[in-house]
N, C-alpha and C. Protein backbone atom coordinates (compact mmCIF):
# COMPACT_ATOMS: atom_id res chain seq x y z
N MET A 1 64.14 -13.40 -103.88
CA MET A 1 62.92 -13.80 -103.94
C MET A 1 63.83 -14.53 -102.07
N ARG A 2 64.57 -14.66 -102.02
CA ARG A 2 65.21 -15.00 -100.60
C ARG A 2 64.32 -13.90 -99.60
N PRO A 3 64.85 -12.78 -99.88
CA PRO A 3 64.01 -11.96 -98.46
C PRO A 3 62.75 -12.45 -98.21
N VAL A 4 61.94 -12.54 -99.53
CA VAL A 4 60.28 -12.88 -99.13
C VAL A 4 59.98 -13.96 -98.15
N VAL A 5 60.93 -15.27 -98.62
CA VAL A 5 60.78 -16.44 -97.80
C VAL A 5 61.01 -16.21 -96.28
N THR A 6 62.32 -15.46 -96.18
CA THR A 6 62.63 -15.27 -94.66
C THR A 6 61.79 -14.54 -93.70
N ALA A 7 60.82 -13.69 -94.73
CA ALA A 7 59.81 -12.43 -93.83
C ALA A 7 58.69 -13.45 -93.83
N ALA A 8 58.53 -14.60 -94.34
CA ALA A 8 57.43 -15.65 -94.46
C ALA A 8 57.64 -16.28 -93.30
N LEU A 9 58.39 -17.19 -93.00
CA LEU A 9 58.99 -17.64 -92.37
C LEU A 9 58.94 -16.88 -90.63
N ALA A 10 59.45 -15.90 -90.49
CA ALA A 10 59.02 -14.76 -89.77
C ALA A 10 57.98 -14.56 -89.00
N ALA A 11 56.93 -14.43 -90.09
CA ALA A 11 55.74 -14.17 -89.96
C ALA A 11 55.23 -15.44 -89.03
N LEU A 12 55.33 -16.61 -89.89
CA LEU A 12 54.52 -17.93 -89.53
C LEU A 12 55.20 -18.02 -88.06
N SER A 13 56.29 -17.84 -87.79
CA SER A 13 57.02 -18.21 -86.38
C SER A 13 56.22 -17.54 -85.50
N ILE A 14 55.98 -15.98 -85.71
CA ILE A 14 55.25 -15.29 -84.49
C ILE A 14 53.71 -15.85 -84.64
N LEU A 15 53.14 -16.02 -85.78
CA LEU A 15 51.75 -16.86 -86.00
C LEU A 15 51.75 -17.61 -84.80
N ALA A 16 52.70 -18.85 -84.92
CA ALA A 16 52.59 -20.14 -84.16
C ALA A 16 52.83 -19.54 -82.93
N SER A 17 53.59 -18.88 -82.24
CA SER A 17 54.18 -18.42 -80.58
C SER A 17 52.36 -17.59 -80.37
N ALA A 18 51.79 -17.35 -81.37
CA ALA A 18 50.66 -16.87 -80.74
C ALA A 18 49.88 -17.36 -80.33
N PHE A 19 49.69 -18.80 -80.89
CA PHE A 19 48.76 -19.93 -80.49
C PHE A 19 49.22 -20.90 -79.41
N THR A 20 50.52 -20.81 -79.11
CA THR A 20 51.05 -21.54 -78.17
C THR A 20 50.03 -21.21 -76.43
N VAL A 21 49.99 -22.81 -76.01
CA VAL A 21 49.32 -22.29 -74.91
C VAL A 21 50.19 -23.20 -74.01
N LEU A 22 50.53 -22.02 -72.92
CA LEU A 22 51.39 -22.69 -71.84
C LEU A 22 50.81 -22.89 -70.60
N PRO A 23 50.85 -24.02 -69.80
CA PRO A 23 50.51 -24.97 -68.99
C PRO A 23 50.47 -23.94 -68.17
N THR A 24 49.83 -23.86 -67.24
CA THR A 24 49.12 -22.76 -65.59
C THR A 24 50.29 -23.51 -64.56
N ALA A 25 50.36 -23.25 -63.51
CA ALA A 25 50.89 -23.69 -62.40
C ALA A 25 50.23 -24.51 -61.69
N ALA A 26 48.86 -24.13 -61.45
CA ALA A 26 47.83 -24.32 -60.63
C ALA A 26 45.96 -24.59 -61.63
N ALA A 27 46.22 -25.23 -62.40
CA ALA A 27 44.79 -25.19 -63.23
C ALA A 27 43.95 -25.87 -62.46
N ASN A 28 42.57 -24.56 -62.11
CA ASN A 28 41.60 -25.29 -61.25
C ASN A 28 42.03 -26.39 -60.11
N PRO A 29 42.33 -25.96 -59.37
CA PRO A 29 42.75 -26.55 -58.05
C PRO A 29 40.99 -27.42 -57.41
N VAL A 30 41.06 -28.47 -56.95
CA VAL A 30 40.10 -28.84 -56.24
C VAL A 30 39.87 -28.15 -55.12
N PRO A 31 38.78 -27.57 -54.41
CA PRO A 31 38.93 -26.59 -53.09
C PRO A 31 39.19 -27.89 -52.23
N ALA A 32 39.60 -27.52 -51.18
CA ALA A 32 39.90 -28.78 -49.96
C ALA A 32 38.29 -29.08 -48.86
N PRO A 33 38.41 -30.02 -48.54
CA PRO A 33 37.31 -29.74 -47.21
C PRO A 33 37.73 -29.33 -46.28
N PRO A 34 36.62 -28.98 -45.23
CA PRO A 34 35.13 -29.85 -44.99
C PRO A 34 34.21 -28.70 -46.82
N TYR A 35 33.35 -29.69 -46.89
CA TYR A 35 32.38 -29.18 -47.85
C TYR A 35 31.37 -28.84 -47.23
N VAL A 36 30.97 -29.32 -45.99
CA VAL A 36 29.38 -29.05 -45.17
C VAL A 36 29.66 -28.50 -43.72
N ASP A 37 29.42 -27.13 -44.03
CA ASP A 37 29.56 -26.18 -42.35
C ASP A 37 28.51 -26.78 -41.29
N HIS A 38 27.63 -27.46 -41.71
CA HIS A 38 26.43 -27.50 -40.86
C HIS A 38 25.03 -28.38 -41.49
N VAL A 39 24.56 -29.12 -40.74
CA VAL A 39 23.09 -29.74 -40.95
C VAL A 39 22.12 -29.37 -40.13
N GLU A 40 20.76 -28.82 -40.67
CA GLU A 40 19.77 -28.83 -39.88
C GLU A 40 18.42 -29.68 -39.99
N TRP A 41 17.80 -30.49 -39.32
CA TRP A 41 16.22 -30.90 -39.40
C TRP A 41 15.30 -29.40 -39.52
N ALA A 42 14.47 -29.56 -40.54
CA ALA A 42 13.46 -28.67 -40.04
C ALA A 42 12.30 -29.53 -40.51
N LYS A 43 10.96 -29.15 -39.63
CA LYS A 43 9.43 -29.91 -39.73
C LYS A 43 8.49 -28.53 -40.18
N TRP A 44 7.86 -29.05 -40.87
CA TRP A 44 6.29 -28.54 -41.01
C TRP A 44 5.61 -29.35 -41.07
N GLY A 45 4.71 -29.38 -40.01
CA GLY A 45 3.50 -30.44 -39.99
C GLY A 45 4.39 -31.69 -39.74
N ASP A 46 4.21 -32.87 -40.49
CA ASP A 46 4.39 -34.07 -40.20
C ASP A 46 5.39 -34.28 -41.53
N LEU A 47 5.53 -33.04 -41.98
CA LEU A 47 6.94 -33.60 -43.42
C LEU A 47 8.58 -32.66 -42.56
N SER A 48 9.32 -33.32 -42.80
CA SER A 48 10.62 -32.86 -42.78
C SER A 48 11.51 -32.52 -43.59
N SER A 49 12.49 -32.06 -43.53
CA SER A 49 13.80 -31.57 -44.51
C SER A 49 15.00 -31.31 -43.74
N LEU A 50 15.82 -31.68 -44.71
CA LEU A 50 17.77 -31.70 -43.72
C LEU A 50 18.33 -30.59 -45.07
N ARG A 51 18.13 -28.80 -43.84
CA ARG A 51 19.36 -28.35 -44.16
C ARG A 51 20.35 -28.64 -44.25
N VAL A 52 21.12 -28.49 -45.70
CA VAL A 52 22.67 -28.63 -45.47
C VAL A 52 23.40 -27.27 -46.12
N TYR A 53 24.30 -26.89 -45.17
CA TYR A 53 24.48 -25.86 -45.27
C TYR A 53 26.09 -25.32 -45.84
N PRO A 54 26.13 -25.53 -46.90
CA PRO A 54 27.58 -25.73 -47.44
C PRO A 54 28.54 -24.65 -47.40
N THR A 55 29.98 -25.25 -47.39
CA THR A 55 31.11 -24.18 -46.87
C THR A 55 31.13 -23.25 -48.00
N PRO A 56 32.37 -22.62 -48.18
CA PRO A 56 32.52 -21.74 -49.55
C PRO A 56 33.23 -22.76 -50.47
N SER A 57 34.15 -23.91 -49.77
CA SER A 57 34.46 -24.77 -50.69
C SER A 57 33.58 -25.78 -51.18
N GLY A 58 32.72 -26.20 -50.45
CA GLY A 58 31.55 -26.75 -50.92
C GLY A 58 30.76 -26.47 -52.03
N ARG A 59 30.54 -25.03 -52.12
CA ARG A 59 29.95 -23.88 -53.03
C ARG A 59 30.74 -24.32 -54.47
N GLN A 60 31.92 -24.12 -54.38
CA GLN A 60 32.99 -24.15 -55.45
C GLN A 60 33.52 -25.57 -56.13
N ALA A 61 33.16 -26.44 -55.20
CA ALA A 61 33.75 -27.86 -55.60
C ALA A 61 32.58 -29.16 -56.11
N ALA A 62 31.97 -28.49 -56.78
CA ALA A 62 31.05 -29.45 -57.95
C ALA A 62 32.02 -30.69 -58.44
N SER A 63 33.14 -30.27 -58.93
CA SER A 63 34.07 -31.27 -59.53
C SER A 63 34.30 -32.19 -58.57
N ALA A 64 34.38 -31.71 -57.21
CA ALA A 64 35.08 -32.80 -56.57
C ALA A 64 34.37 -33.75 -55.99
N PRO A 65 34.88 -34.78 -55.57
CA PRO A 65 34.05 -36.19 -55.26
C PRO A 65 33.02 -35.87 -54.17
N ALA A 66 31.62 -36.27 -54.93
CA ALA A 66 30.56 -36.10 -53.89
C ALA A 66 30.28 -36.69 -53.27
N ASP A 67 31.28 -37.92 -52.88
CA ASP A 67 30.87 -39.11 -52.07
C ASP A 67 31.40 -38.05 -50.39
N VAL A 68 32.41 -37.60 -50.54
CA VAL A 68 33.39 -37.07 -49.70
C VAL A 68 32.25 -36.06 -48.64
N ALA A 69 31.46 -35.33 -49.60
CA ALA A 69 30.86 -34.36 -49.13
C ALA A 69 29.49 -35.32 -48.38
N TRP A 70 28.80 -36.28 -48.99
CA TRP A 70 28.14 -37.05 -48.86
C TRP A 70 28.25 -37.75 -46.98
N ALA A 71 29.42 -38.16 -47.14
CA ALA A 71 30.04 -38.45 -45.90
C ALA A 71 30.54 -37.62 -44.96
N GLU A 72 30.66 -36.32 -45.13
CA GLU A 72 30.51 -35.40 -43.85
C GLU A 72 28.86 -34.99 -43.60
N VAL A 73 27.67 -35.06 -44.30
CA VAL A 73 26.18 -34.85 -43.78
C VAL A 73 26.16 -36.16 -43.17
N LEU A 74 26.83 -37.65 -43.63
CA LEU A 74 25.85 -38.29 -42.86
C LEU A 74 26.73 -38.38 -41.15
N ALA A 75 27.86 -37.49 -41.52
CA ALA A 75 28.66 -37.37 -40.01
C ALA A 75 27.77 -36.68 -39.15
N LEU A 76 27.46 -35.93 -39.71
CA LEU A 76 26.72 -34.75 -39.04
C LEU A 76 25.27 -34.92 -38.48
N SER A 77 24.65 -35.98 -39.17
CA SER A 77 23.82 -36.46 -39.21
C SER A 77 22.90 -38.09 -39.71
N PRO A 78 23.60 -38.77 -39.38
CA PRO A 78 23.29 -40.39 -39.44
C PRO A 78 22.29 -40.90 -40.16
N ASP A 79 21.50 -39.84 -39.26
CA ASP A 79 19.75 -39.97 -40.00
C ASP A 79 19.36 -39.93 -41.20
N ALA A 80 20.13 -39.15 -42.11
CA ALA A 80 19.83 -38.96 -43.50
C ALA A 80 20.32 -39.71 -44.47
N ALA A 81 20.63 -40.97 -43.88
CA ALA A 81 20.90 -42.29 -44.61
C ALA A 81 19.43 -42.65 -44.98
N ILE A 82 18.54 -42.27 -45.49
CA ILE A 82 17.47 -42.59 -45.91
C ILE A 82 17.28 -42.72 -47.48
N PRO A 83 16.61 -43.86 -48.07
CA PRO A 83 16.46 -43.96 -49.52
C PRO A 83 16.28 -42.63 -50.52
N GLY A 84 17.08 -42.34 -51.54
CA GLY A 84 16.36 -41.33 -51.74
C GLY A 84 17.33 -39.87 -51.76
N MET A 85 17.78 -39.61 -50.53
CA MET A 85 18.33 -38.13 -49.70
C MET A 85 19.88 -38.20 -50.34
N ARG A 86 20.76 -39.31 -50.51
CA ARG A 86 22.08 -39.47 -51.23
C ARG A 86 21.68 -38.78 -52.77
N GLU A 87 20.86 -39.22 -53.56
CA GLU A 87 20.36 -38.81 -54.71
C GLU A 87 19.80 -37.01 -54.73
N GLN A 88 19.43 -36.90 -53.99
CA GLN A 88 18.82 -35.32 -53.88
C GLN A 88 20.33 -34.20 -53.53
N PHE A 89 21.22 -35.10 -52.57
CA PHE A 89 22.40 -34.64 -52.30
C PHE A 89 23.09 -34.17 -53.84
N ILE A 90 23.28 -34.68 -54.24
CA ILE A 90 24.75 -35.30 -55.79
C ILE A 90 23.69 -34.16 -56.44
N CYS A 91 22.26 -34.42 -56.72
CA CYS A 91 21.98 -33.40 -57.46
C CYS A 91 21.80 -31.81 -57.22
N HIS A 92 21.88 -31.60 -55.79
CA HIS A 92 22.31 -30.09 -55.55
C HIS A 92 23.81 -29.98 -55.24
N TRP A 93 24.63 -30.87 -55.20
CA TRP A 93 26.03 -30.88 -55.26
C TRP A 93 26.48 -30.56 -56.79
N GLN A 94 25.64 -30.89 -57.66
CA GLN A 94 26.14 -30.49 -59.28
C GLN A 94 25.96 -29.59 -59.73
N PHE A 95 24.27 -29.03 -59.04
CA PHE A 95 23.75 -27.84 -59.74
C PHE A 95 23.29 -26.77 -59.31
N ALA A 96 23.21 -26.66 -57.47
CA ALA A 96 23.12 -26.14 -57.19
C ALA A 96 23.33 -24.56 -57.15
N GLU A 97 24.65 -24.74 -57.43
CA GLU A 97 25.44 -23.06 -57.41
C GLU A 97 25.04 -22.81 -59.13
N MET A 98 24.71 -23.34 -59.80
CA MET A 98 24.46 -22.86 -61.29
C MET A 98 23.11 -22.19 -61.23
N ALA A 99 21.98 -22.96 -60.56
CA ALA A 99 20.76 -22.48 -60.76
C ALA A 99 20.51 -21.45 -59.60
N GLU A 100 20.93 -21.67 -58.49
CA GLU A 100 20.71 -20.61 -57.72
C GLU A 100 21.70 -20.26 -56.63
N PRO A 101 22.75 -19.48 -57.43
CA PRO A 101 24.14 -19.22 -56.12
C PRO A 101 23.86 -18.59 -55.41
N GLY A 102 24.75 -19.32 -54.34
CA GLY A 102 24.69 -18.64 -52.77
C GLY A 102 23.41 -19.15 -51.99
N LYS A 103 22.56 -20.09 -52.37
CA LYS A 103 21.44 -20.21 -51.70
C LYS A 103 21.69 -20.43 -50.24
N VAL A 104 21.40 -20.48 -48.99
CA VAL A 104 21.75 -20.50 -47.90
C VAL A 104 21.96 -22.04 -47.73
N SER A 105 20.55 -22.76 -48.08
CA SER A 105 20.95 -24.33 -47.75
C SER A 105 19.99 -24.76 -49.16
N TRP A 106 21.05 -26.03 -49.31
CA TRP A 106 20.64 -27.33 -49.59
C TRP A 106 19.43 -28.13 -49.07
N ASN A 107 18.14 -28.04 -49.55
CA ASN A 107 16.96 -28.57 -48.58
C ASN A 107 16.93 -30.23 -49.00
N LEU A 108 16.95 -31.01 -48.25
CA LEU A 108 17.04 -32.23 -48.76
C LEU A 108 15.77 -32.88 -47.77
N GLU A 109 14.83 -33.62 -48.40
CA GLU A 109 13.43 -34.09 -47.70
C GLU A 109 13.19 -35.64 -47.88
N PRO A 110 12.92 -36.44 -47.31
CA PRO A 110 12.66 -37.78 -47.04
C PRO A 110 11.86 -38.31 -47.73
N TRP A 111 10.80 -37.44 -47.37
CA TRP A 111 8.99 -37.77 -48.28
C TRP A 111 9.18 -37.40 -49.69
N ARG A 112 10.53 -37.14 -50.48
CA ARG A 112 10.19 -37.02 -51.55
C ARG A 112 10.96 -38.44 -52.22
N PRO A 113 10.11 -38.97 -53.66
CA PRO A 113 10.28 -40.33 -54.06
C PRO A 113 11.27 -40.69 -54.25
N GLU A 114 11.77 -41.74 -55.06
CA GLU A 114 13.04 -41.64 -55.55
C GLU A 114 12.79 -42.22 -56.84
N VAL A 115 13.84 -41.71 -58.04
CA VAL A 115 13.60 -41.23 -59.35
C VAL A 115 14.83 -41.43 -59.64
N THR A 116 14.88 -41.47 -60.98
CA THR A 116 16.16 -41.71 -61.94
C THR A 116 16.66 -40.27 -61.64
N GLY A 117 18.10 -40.09 -62.07
CA GLY A 117 18.55 -39.48 -62.39
C GLY A 117 18.10 -37.96 -63.38
N GLU A 118 17.85 -38.42 -64.64
CA GLU A 118 17.03 -37.63 -65.51
C GLU A 118 16.00 -37.03 -64.92
N GLU A 119 15.18 -37.75 -64.20
CA GLU A 119 13.92 -36.94 -63.56
C GLU A 119 14.11 -36.05 -62.38
N MET A 120 15.07 -36.46 -61.32
CA MET A 120 15.74 -35.75 -60.40
C MET A 120 15.82 -34.33 -61.03
N MET A 121 17.08 -34.19 -62.03
CA MET A 121 17.72 -33.10 -62.30
C MET A 121 15.86 -32.14 -63.40
N ALA A 122 15.32 -33.37 -64.10
CA ALA A 122 13.79 -32.49 -64.70
C ALA A 122 13.27 -31.35 -63.32
N ALA A 123 13.36 -32.18 -61.98
CA ALA A 123 12.44 -31.54 -61.30
C ALA A 123 13.16 -30.78 -60.39
N GLY A 124 14.58 -30.23 -60.90
CA GLY A 124 15.40 -29.40 -60.10
C GLY A 124 15.82 -29.64 -58.69
N CYS A 125 16.22 -30.94 -58.83
CA CYS A 125 16.79 -31.85 -57.54
C CYS A 125 15.28 -32.05 -56.59
N ASN A 126 13.84 -31.45 -56.65
CA ASN A 126 12.93 -31.85 -56.04
C ASN A 126 11.96 -32.69 -56.50
N PRO A 127 12.07 -34.17 -56.62
CA PRO A 127 11.04 -34.46 -57.19
C PRO A 127 9.94 -34.85 -56.59
N GLY A 128 8.80 -35.19 -57.14
CA GLY A 128 7.35 -35.86 -56.27
C GLY A 128 6.63 -34.01 -56.01
N GLY A 129 6.43 -33.06 -56.85
CA GLY A 129 5.75 -31.89 -56.23
C GLY A 129 6.62 -30.56 -55.82
N THR A 130 5.51 -29.61 -55.36
CA THR A 130 6.14 -28.28 -55.14
C THR A 130 7.50 -28.35 -54.20
N LEU A 131 8.24 -27.13 -54.14
CA LEU A 131 9.31 -27.03 -53.15
C LEU A 131 8.44 -26.83 -51.50
N GLU A 132 9.31 -27.32 -50.62
CA GLU A 132 8.25 -27.92 -49.21
C GLU A 132 8.01 -26.09 -48.74
N PRO A 133 7.03 -26.27 -48.14
CA PRO A 133 6.38 -25.02 -47.29
C PRO A 133 7.01 -24.35 -46.66
N PHE A 134 7.92 -24.90 -45.84
CA PHE A 134 8.86 -24.78 -44.77
C PHE A 134 10.00 -23.97 -44.94
């Protein structure tokens, strides 16, 4: 009976090693800033839209602190400090690459209403109506 026990223990040892998870050296490091390449204001009639052009790091860094990236936007365009703009940016920061990978810019409009996070997400980061016509 001893050979059976030895064989069973050997099988358990092999099975246990198959389920051992080894840590990786660099498990998903957060990409480094800068997260924003540039911004530009666009106009259509009397409506404005701030185009935020993320860097490759910005596209990959949804888990990085969004406040760091928003500070970059404000450094490039201080007049973007308008109620509702940060919330639109945070929504794009968290979801844009999942919804529309590689979109050239994330567009923030000061004329959009301030809404809750749930309403912002339900509106695809563009509350208050259709997408901008420009």
